[in-house]
Amino acid sequence: MTLLKYALPALAVAGTAAAQCSASTTTIQNSGDATALASCTTFTGSIAIATGTVDNIELNGIRTIRGSLIANNVTEMTTLRADSLEEIEDTFDLQQLTILSTLDMPALTKVDTIRWQALPALQGLNFETAVQEAGTVDIQNTELNSLDGINLKVVDVFYIANNRYLESMDLQLSNITNALTMEANAPNLEVSFPNLEWAFNMTLRNVSSLSIPSLEHVNGSFGLYSNFFETFSAPNLTTIEGDLSFVDNGDLTNITMPVLELVEGGFQIENNSQLTNINGFPELATVGGALDFTGDFQNVSLPAIDDVRGAFNMQSTEDISDACDHFEGMAGQNDVIKGEFTCDAEEDNPSSIEDGDNNDDDDDSDSSNDDDEDAAGHIRIPGAVLAFSAFLAALFGLL
């Protein structure tokens, strides 16, 4: 009886502790609620911080959250700390935290999803060990000036946008399994992925430099749009299974992809106003979709090209008559360029295949006969026909 007298209260205390450490979602109203979880090395369920919370929150003692950690529209909290937290099995969700300035989680290494949006006072991360595993990273509208504290080797989705003070990103990623997108961050953002060898889709906008010295293979598409760098190099990239695009990069003067052999989708170079020479693709042999070059370039060299399966559209404000003559000799359904062919030199308004041809209503430009060439070396077929030809090529695989 004496043993039972002491055992029952002990079991009651243990049951209460267990109940505190497990819930579908437990809501933290104040610092006291957070302190009450300190005995939980593992919390099973999600932890949400209430919107009306005015205290700084310290979730000390917890090592694993088997759910999400959520703080949305908590406008009076300046600090969120978890000194022992190593893993969040679901989503680390921080949104609309207008004065949060300190995010201190020195042991955190693994998160399934990081979703941080609208954190206008957060300038840095106190992640001493660094997050090394994450499936999705989505960081938008913060004042972070770097991503120090996030050091992933593999990621599924990586989306970084509208972080106006983000000036540096140096990650040890080796594989992007779904998509990387970066846009509208600081205009002087320098991006380096020294170990990246494999990616699915990559889209970068508004960056000042990009270093990808180890990248060998892109399973999807690779696009560079409205960036600020003067040169771009991918010294080890051999294959792009989707599209390759360089569009509206106003400072770009040089592209070097010395071992690129295959672009299975379309290849677009459009409106890069300082790019005068397109000669950085010495090994490019195959373009599976349309080849579409428009801009102010003077010279084009594709010495290894032997298969363009879609439409061919090349238009420049400069005199590229020699290039037009060269590529015209390669055009024909059973020749190198199998799709419809357009090459315009000294064109006032170069138009890409997507733009269509601005002169479709001009009777003089509706013929593909050589007799219709003018002194500037125009060889014209309507842009709408080009686009339809490329569509048929992709749909039926006939070209």
Protein backbone atom coordinates (compact mmCIF):
# COMPACT_ATOMS: atom_id res chain seq x y z
CA MET A 1 0.00 0.00 0.00
CA THR A 2 2.86 2.37 0.83
CA LEU A 3 4.44 1.75 -2.60
CA LEU A 4 1.12 2.35 -4.30
CA LYS A 5 0.71 5.56 -2.32
CA TYR A 6 3.83 7.04 -3.95
CA ALA A 7 3.52 5.35 -7.34
CA LEU A 8 0.13 6.77 -8.23
CA PRO A 9 1.17 10.46 -7.95
CA ALA A 10 4.36 9.69 -9.89
CA LEU A 11 2.35 8.09 -12.68
CA ALA A 12 0.02 11.07 -12.70
CA VAL A 13 2.96 13.46 -13.09
CA ALA A 14 4.41 11.31 -15.89
CA GLY A 15 1.05 11.24 -17.64
CA THR A 16 0.80 15.03 -17.44
CA ALA A 17 4.31 15.43 -18.85
CA ALA A 18 3.50 13.06 -21.69
CA ALA A 19 0.35 14.99 -22.44
CA GLN A 20 2.35 18.25 -22.57
CA CYS A 21 4.73 16.70 -25.12
CA SER A 22 2.11 15.49 -27.58
CA ALA A 23 -0.77 17.28 -29.32
CA SER A 24 -2.05 17.79 -32.81
CA THR A 25 -1.18 21.49 -32.37
CA THR A 26 -0.26 23.26 -29.17
CA THR A 27 -0.56 27.04 -29.11
CA ILE A 28 1.98 29.21 -27.32
CA GLN A 29 0.38 32.34 -25.85
CA ASN A 30 3.34 33.63 -23.84
CA SER A 31 6.83 32.82 -22.59
CA GLY A 32 5.38 30.74 -19.75
CA ASP A 33 3.69 28.39 -22.20
CA ALA A 34 7.02 27.96 -23.98
CA THR A 35 8.87 27.24 -20.73
CA ALA A 36 6.32 24.56 -19.88
CA LEU A 37 7.56 22.52 -22.87
CA ALA A 38 11.20 22.57 -21.74
CA SER A 39 11.01 19.00 -20.43
CA CYS A 40 10.01 17.70 -23.90
CA THR A 41 13.09 16.56 -25.76
CA THR A 42 10.66 15.45 -28.50
CA PHE A 43 7.38 17.18 -29.17
CA THR A 44 4.95 15.10 -31.23
CA GLY A 45 2.71 17.44 -33.17
CA SER A 46 2.95 21.07 -34.23
CA ILE A 47 3.76 24.15 -32.17
CA ALA A 48 2.04 27.40 -33.13
CA ILE A 49 2.73 30.81 -31.63
CA ALA A 50 -0.47 32.80 -31.14
CA THR A 51 -0.91 36.02 -33.10
CA GLY A 52 -1.44 38.02 -29.93
CA THR A 53 1.84 36.93 -28.32
CA VAL A 54 3.90 39.90 -27.12
CA ASP A 55 6.69 37.96 -25.33
CA ASN A 56 9.91 36.73 -26.82
CA ILE A 57 9.61 32.97 -27.15
CA GLU A 58 12.26 30.47 -26.08
CA LEU A 59 11.54 26.82 -26.85
CA ASN A 60 14.59 25.57 -25.01
CA GLY A 61 15.09 21.88 -24.31
CA ILE A 62 13.19 20.54 -27.34
CA ARG A 63 15.38 18.63 -29.79
CA THR A 64 12.80 17.36 -32.27
CA ILE A 65 9.42 18.67 -33.36
CA ARG A 66 7.49 15.90 -35.10
CA GLY A 67 5.28 18.38 -36.87
CA SER A 68 5.57 22.08 -37.78
CA LEU A 69 6.79 25.19 -36.01
CA ILE A 70 4.46 28.02 -36.98
CA ALA A 71 4.40 31.75 -36.29
CA ASN A 72 2.10 33.76 -38.55
CA ASN A 73 1.18 37.41 -38.06
CA VAL A 74 2.81 37.61 -34.64
CA THR A 75 3.55 41.32 -34.87
CA GLU A 76 4.97 41.95 -31.37
CA MET A 77 7.58 39.19 -31.10
CA THR A 78 11.21 40.23 -31.62
CA THR A 79 13.03 36.97 -30.73
CA LEU A 80 12.42 33.30 -31.40
CA ARG A 81 14.94 30.98 -29.80
CA ALA A 82 15.32 27.20 -29.47
CA ASP A 83 18.74 26.34 -28.05
CA SER A 84 18.57 22.55 -28.50
CA LEU A 85 16.30 22.14 -31.52
CA GLU A 86 17.87 19.86 -34.12
CA GLU A 87 14.98 18.85 -36.38
CA ILE A 88 11.57 20.04 -37.55
CA GLU A 89 9.96 17.14 -39.36
CA ASP A 90 7.39 19.21 -41.24
CA THR A 91 7.31 22.98 -41.94
CA PHE A 92 9.22 25.82 -40.35
CA ASP A 93 6.63 28.48 -41.17
CA LEU A 94 7.28 32.13 -40.34
CA GLN A 95 5.09 34.77 -41.98
CA GLN A 96 4.22 38.40 -41.34
CA LEU A 97 6.50 38.83 -38.33
CA THR A 98 7.09 42.55 -38.65
CA ILE A 99 9.61 43.09 -35.82
CA LEU A 100 11.25 39.67 -35.53
CA SER A 101 14.96 40.49 -35.55
CA THR A 102 16.52 37.46 -33.84
CA LEU A 103 16.16 33.86 -34.98
CA ASP A 104 18.46 31.79 -32.79
CA MET A 105 18.60 28.03 -33.30
CA PRO A 106 22.26 27.01 -33.02
CA ALA A 107 21.66 23.24 -33.24
CA LEU A 108 19.13 23.12 -36.10
CA THR A 109 20.31 20.89 -38.96
CA LYS A 110 17.21 19.32 -40.56
CA VAL A 111 13.87 20.72 -41.74
CA ASP A 112 11.45 19.34 -44.28
CA THR A 113 10.19 22.73 -45.49
CA ILE A 114 11.38 26.26 -44.75
CA ARG A 115 8.75 28.87 -45.54
CA TRP A 116 9.68 32.38 -44.45
CA GLN A 117 7.76 35.31 -45.87
CA ALA A 118 7.48 38.97 -44.89
CA LEU A 119 10.11 39.21 -42.16
CA PRO A 120 11.19 42.84 -42.69
CA ALA A 121 13.38 43.11 -39.57
CA LEU A 122 15.30 39.82 -39.92
CA GLN A 123 18.83 40.59 -41.11
CA GLY A 124 20.71 37.43 -40.13
CA LEU A 125 20.42 33.87 -38.84
CA ASN A 126 21.96 32.50 -35.66
CA PHE A 127 22.21 28.92 -36.93
CA GLU A 128 25.64 27.93 -35.72
CA THR A 129 25.55 24.31 -36.91
CA ALA A 130 23.66 25.29 -40.10
CA VAL A 131 20.66 23.64 -41.71
CA GLN A 132 22.10 20.85 -43.83
CA GLU A 133 18.96 19.00 -44.94
CA ALA A 134 15.74 20.47 -46.34
CA GLY A 135 13.28 19.45 -49.02
CA THR A 136 11.89 22.90 -49.84
CA VAL A 137 13.29 26.33 -49.07
CA ASP A 138 11.05 29.34 -49.79
CA ILE A 139 12.38 32.66 -48.48
CA GLN A 140 10.69 35.91 -49.55
CA ASN A 141 10.57 39.52 -48.40
CA THR A 142 13.14 39.47 -45.63
CA GLU A 143 16.08 41.76 -44.83
CA LEU A 144 18.57 38.89 -44.80
CA ASN A 145 21.91 39.95 -46.28
CA SER A 146 23.16 36.39 -46.63
CA LEU A 147 22.00 32.83 -46.16
CA ASP A 148 24.77 31.97 -43.74
CA GLY A 149 23.27 29.27 -41.54
CA ILE A 150 21.71 27.36 -44.46
CA ASN A 151 24.21 25.00 -46.04
CA LEU A 152 22.36 22.33 -47.97
CA LYS A 153 23.87 19.62 -50.13
CA VAL A 154 20.62 18.48 -51.77
CA VAL A 155 17.34 20.34 -52.12
CA ASP A 156 14.11 19.69 -53.98
CA VAL A 157 12.79 23.26 -54.40
CA PHE A 158 14.84 26.38 -53.66
CA TYR A 159 12.98 29.70 -54.11
CA ILE A 160 14.60 32.96 -53.03
CA ALA A 161 12.81 36.19 -54.00
CA ASN A 162 12.34 39.83 -53.04
CA ASN A 163 15.02 39.92 -50.36
CA ARG A 164 16.31 43.39 -51.19
CA TYR A 165 19.39 43.25 -48.97
CA LEU A 166 20.52 39.76 -49.92
CA GLU A 167 23.97 40.35 -51.40
CA SER A 168 25.75 37.03 -51.02
CA MET A 169 24.85 33.39 -51.48
CA ASP A 170 27.48 30.68 -51.34
CA LEU A 171 25.95 27.22 -50.93
CA GLN A 172 27.53 23.78 -51.09
CA LEU A 173 24.63 22.28 -53.04
CA SER A 174 25.51 19.32 -55.22
CA ASN A 175 22.02 18.45 -56.51
CA ILE A 176 18.76 20.36 -57.14
CA THR A 177 16.12 17.69 -57.69
CA ASN A 178 13.23 19.92 -58.81
CA ALA A 179 13.74 23.65 -59.22
CA LEU A 180 15.88 26.61 -58.22
CA THR A 181 14.47 30.09 -58.71
CA MET A 182 16.09 33.36 -57.65
CA GLU A 183 14.63 36.74 -58.52
CA ALA A 184 14.26 40.35 -57.37
CA ASN A 185 16.83 40.22 -54.59
CA ALA A 186 19.59 42.82 -54.12
CA PRO A 187 20.89 43.94 -57.53
CA ASN A 188 24.47 43.23 -56.44
CA LEU A 189 23.71 39.67 -55.34
CA GLU A 190 26.65 37.33 -55.94
CA VAL A 191 25.70 33.67 -56.27
CA SER A 192 28.11 30.76 -56.00
CA PHE A 193 27.38 27.04 -56.17
CA PRO A 194 30.90 25.59 -56.30
CA ASN A 195 29.85 21.96 -55.85
CA LEU A 196 26.64 21.89 -57.90
CA GLU A 197 26.87 19.06 -60.44
CA TRP A 198 23.25 18.24 -61.23
CA ALA A 199 20.08 20.31 -61.41
CA PHE A 200 16.58 19.88 -62.74
CA ASN A 201 15.38 23.43 -63.46
CA MET A 202 17.30 26.65 -62.82
CA THR A 203 15.92 30.17 -63.29
CA LEU A 204 17.89 33.21 -62.17
CA ARG A 205 16.92 36.86 -62.45
CA ASN A 206 18.57 40.07 -61.23
CA VAL A 207 21.88 38.66 -59.97
CA SER A 208 25.26 40.36 -60.44
CA SER A 209 27.39 37.22 -60.71
CA LEU A 210 26.86 33.49 -61.00
CA SER A 211 29.47 30.80 -60.46
CA ILE A 212 28.64 27.19 -61.36
CA PRO A 213 32.05 25.67 -62.14
CA SER A 214 31.05 22.04 -61.47
CA LEU A 215 27.61 21.89 -63.12
CA GLU A 216 27.51 19.05 -65.66
CA HIS A 217 23.86 18.22 -66.35
CA VAL A 218 20.50 20.01 -66.26
CA ASN A 219 17.50 17.66 -66.46
CA GLY A 220 15.05 20.44 -67.24
CA SER A 221 15.52 24.05 -68.33
CA PHE A 222 18.17 26.67 -67.60
CA GLY A 223 17.19 30.33 -67.88
CA LEU A 224 19.01 33.59 -67.18
CA TYR A 225 16.79 36.68 -67.34
CA SER A 226 17.47 40.37 -66.64
CA ASN A 227 20.74 39.79 -64.81
CA PHE A 228 23.57 42.27 -64.28
CA PHE A 229 26.69 40.21 -64.91
CA GLU A 230 28.97 40.92 -67.87
CA THR A 231 30.21 37.38 -68.42
CA PHE A 232 28.75 33.93 -67.92
CA SER A 233 30.61 30.64 -67.94
CA ALA A 234 29.56 27.02 -67.44
CA PRO A 235 32.85 25.23 -68.07
CA ASN A 236 31.65 21.68 -67.41
CA LEU A 237 28.01 21.74 -68.53
CA THR A 238 27.47 19.21 -71.33
CA THR A 239 23.71 18.57 -71.44
CA ILE A 240 20.49 20.54 -70.97
CA GLU A 241 17.40 18.37 -71.37
CA GLY A 242 14.99 21.31 -71.56
CA ASP A 243 15.34 24.90 -72.80
CA LEU A 244 18.37 27.17 -72.61
CA SER A 245 17.54 30.90 -72.42
CA PHE A 246 19.53 34.14 -72.17
CA VAL A 247 17.01 37.00 -72.19
CA ASP A 248 17.29 40.73 -71.35
CA ASN A 249 20.72 40.54 -69.71
CA GLY A 250 21.66 44.13 -70.53
CA ASP A 251 25.32 44.00 -69.41
CA LEU A 252 26.17 40.59 -70.83
CA THR A 253 29.10 40.70 -73.25
CA ASN A 254 30.34 37.13 -73.24
CA ILE A 255 28.86 33.62 -72.89
CA THR A 256 31.23 30.66 -72.59
CA MET A 257 29.93 27.09 -72.53
CA PRO A 258 32.88 25.23 -74.00
CA VAL A 259 31.68 21.63 -73.63
CA LEU A 260 27.92 22.02 -74.11
CA GLU A 261 26.86 19.43 -76.70
CA LEU A 262 23.10 19.01 -76.36
CA VAL A 263 20.09 21.27 -75.74
CA GLU A 264 17.05 19.03 -76.05
CA GLY A 265 14.55 21.89 -75.88
CA GLY A 266 14.70 25.34 -77.43
CA PHE A 267 17.74 27.62 -77.42
CA GLN A 268 16.94 31.32 -77.03
CA ILE A 269 19.24 34.34 -76.97
CA GLU A 270 17.12 37.52 -76.94
CA ASN A 271 17.69 41.21 -76.29
CA ASN A 272 21.12 41.07 -74.65
CA SER A 273 22.06 44.52 -75.91
CA GLN A 274 25.82 44.34 -75.23
CA LEU A 275 26.31 40.85 -76.64
CA THR A 276 27.96 41.39 -80.02
CA ASN A 277 29.49 37.94 -80.56
CA ILE A 278 27.77 34.59 -80.10
CA ASN A 279 30.72 32.26 -80.27
CA GLY A 280 30.91 30.51 -76.92
CA PHE A 281 29.38 27.17 -77.97
CA PRO A 282 32.14 25.36 -79.87
CA GLU A 283 30.82 21.83 -79.17
CA LEU A 284 27.08 22.40 -79.45
CA ALA A 285 25.82 19.78 -81.91
CA THR A 286 22.09 19.34 -81.26
CA VAL A 287 19.15 21.62 -80.51
CA GLY A 288 16.00 19.57 -80.13
CA GLY A 289 13.57 22.49 -80.31
CA ALA A 290 13.72 25.91 -81.94
CA LEU A 291 16.87 28.01 -82.21
CA ASP A 292 15.85 31.64 -81.65
CA PHE A 293 18.51 34.41 -81.60
CA THR A 294 17.45 38.07 -81.67
CA GLY A 295 19.32 41.22 -80.67
CA ASP A 296 22.23 43.46 -81.69
CA PHE A 297 24.91 40.83 -82.32
CA GLN A 298 27.37 41.04 -85.21
CA ASN A 299 28.78 37.54 -85.40
CA VAL A 300 27.39 34.05 -84.83
CA SER A 301 29.45 30.89 -84.79
CA LEU A 302 28.14 27.39 -84.10
CA PRO A 303 30.91 25.27 -85.65
CA ALA A 304 29.70 21.87 -84.40
CA ILE A 305 25.97 22.24 -85.05
CA ASP A 306 24.57 19.33 -87.04
CA ASP A 307 20.95 18.99 -85.92
CA VAL A 308 18.33 21.68 -85.28
CA ARG A 309 14.98 19.92 -85.11
CA GLY A 310 12.70 22.90 -84.63
CA ALA A 311 12.38 26.31 -86.25
CA PHE A 312 15.40 28.54 -86.87
CA ASN A 313 14.97 32.27 -86.25
CA MET A 314 17.96 34.64 -86.29
CA GLN A 315 17.41 38.41 -86.42
CA SER A 316 19.82 41.23 -85.61
CA THR A 317 20.01 45.00 -85.96
CA GLU A 318 23.55 44.47 -87.27
CA ASP A 319 24.73 43.08 -90.60
CA ILE A 320 24.79 39.30 -90.18
CA SER A 321 24.43 38.56 -93.90
CA ASP A 322 27.36 36.17 -93.85
CA ALA A 323 25.82 34.18 -91.01
CA CYS A 324 22.47 34.12 -92.80
CA ASP A 325 24.10 32.79 -95.95
CA HIS A 326 25.96 30.16 -93.95
CA PHE A 327 22.95 28.85 -92.06
CA GLU A 328 20.64 29.06 -95.08
CA GLY A 329 22.89 26.50 -96.73
CA MET A 330 22.15 24.15 -93.83
CA ALA A 331 18.36 24.49 -93.98
CA GLY A 332 16.03 21.85 -95.34
CA GLN A 333 13.84 19.07 -94.01
CA ASN A 334 16.58 16.50 -94.54
CA ASP A 335 19.44 18.82 -93.68
CA VAL A 336 20.83 20.21 -90.43
CA ILE A 337 18.07 22.79 -89.85
CA LYS A 338 14.85 20.83 -90.23
CA GLY A 339 12.28 23.42 -89.20
CA GLU A 340 11.18 26.62 -90.89
CA PHE A 341 14.01 29.09 -91.49
CA THR A 342 14.23 32.85 -90.95
CA CYS A 343 17.36 34.97 -90.93
CA ASP A 344 17.20 38.79 -90.99
CA ALA A 345 20.17 41.13 -91.09
CA GLU A 346 19.92 44.83 -90.19
CA GLU A 347 16.40 44.33 -88.89
CA ASP A 348 15.03 47.45 -87.16
CA ASN A 349 12.82 45.46 -84.79
CA PRO A 350 14.11 41.92 -84.33
CA SER A 351 11.32 39.62 -83.18
CA SER A 352 11.61 36.29 -81.47
CA ILE A 353 9.48 33.29 -82.33
CA GLU A 354 7.29 33.98 -79.28
CA ASP A 355 6.76 37.58 -80.42
CA GLY A 356 5.72 36.49 -83.90
CA ASP A 357 6.56 38.38 -87.07
CA ASN A 358 5.53 42.01 -87.06
CA ASN A 359 5.34 42.08 -90.85
CA ASP A 360 3.02 39.16 -91.56
CA ASP A 361 0.66 41.48 -93.44
CA ASP A 362 3.41 42.61 -95.81
CA ASP A 363 2.98 40.72 -99.08
CA ASP A 364 6.67 41.14 -99.86
CA SER A 365 7.66 39.18 -96.76
CA ASP A 366 5.38 36.18 -97.18
CA SER A 367 7.62 34.23 -99.50
CA SER A 368 10.46 31.84 -98.74
CA ASN A 369 11.94 32.08 -102.23
CA ASP A 370 15.55 33.19 -102.53
CA ASP A 371 14.44 35.80 -105.10
CA ASP A 372 12.85 37.75 -102.26
CA GLU A 373 16.14 38.36 -100.47
CA ASP A 374 17.03 42.04 -100.26
CA ALA A 375 20.43 43.69 -100.04
CA ALA A 376 20.49 43.34 -96.28
CA GLY A 377 20.22 39.56 -96.50
CA HIS A 378 16.64 39.11 -95.30
CA ILE A 379 15.20 35.61 -95.63
CA ARG A 380 11.65 35.83 -94.35
CA ILE A 381 9.00 33.33 -93.32
CA PRO A 382 6.19 34.51 -91.01
CA GLY A 383 6.90 34.09 -87.31
CA ALA A 384 3.53 32.39 -86.77
CA VAL A 385 4.57 29.67 -89.19
CA LEU A 386 7.82 29.25 -87.26
CA ALA A 387 5.99 28.75 -83.98
CA PHE A 388 3.52 26.29 -85.51
CA SER A 389 6.36 24.35 -87.09
CA ALA A 390 8.10 24.02 -83.74
CA PHE A 391 4.84 22.88 -82.15
CA LEU A 392 4.38 20.18 -84.77
CA ALA A 393 7.97 19.08 -84.32
CA ALA A 394 7.47 18.61 -80.60
CA LEU A 395 4.05 16.98 -80.97
CA PHE A 396 4.75 14.47 -83.69
CA GLY A 397 8.53 14.15 -83.60
CA LEU A 398 8.57 14.39 -87.38
CA LEU A 399 11.29 17.02 -87.79
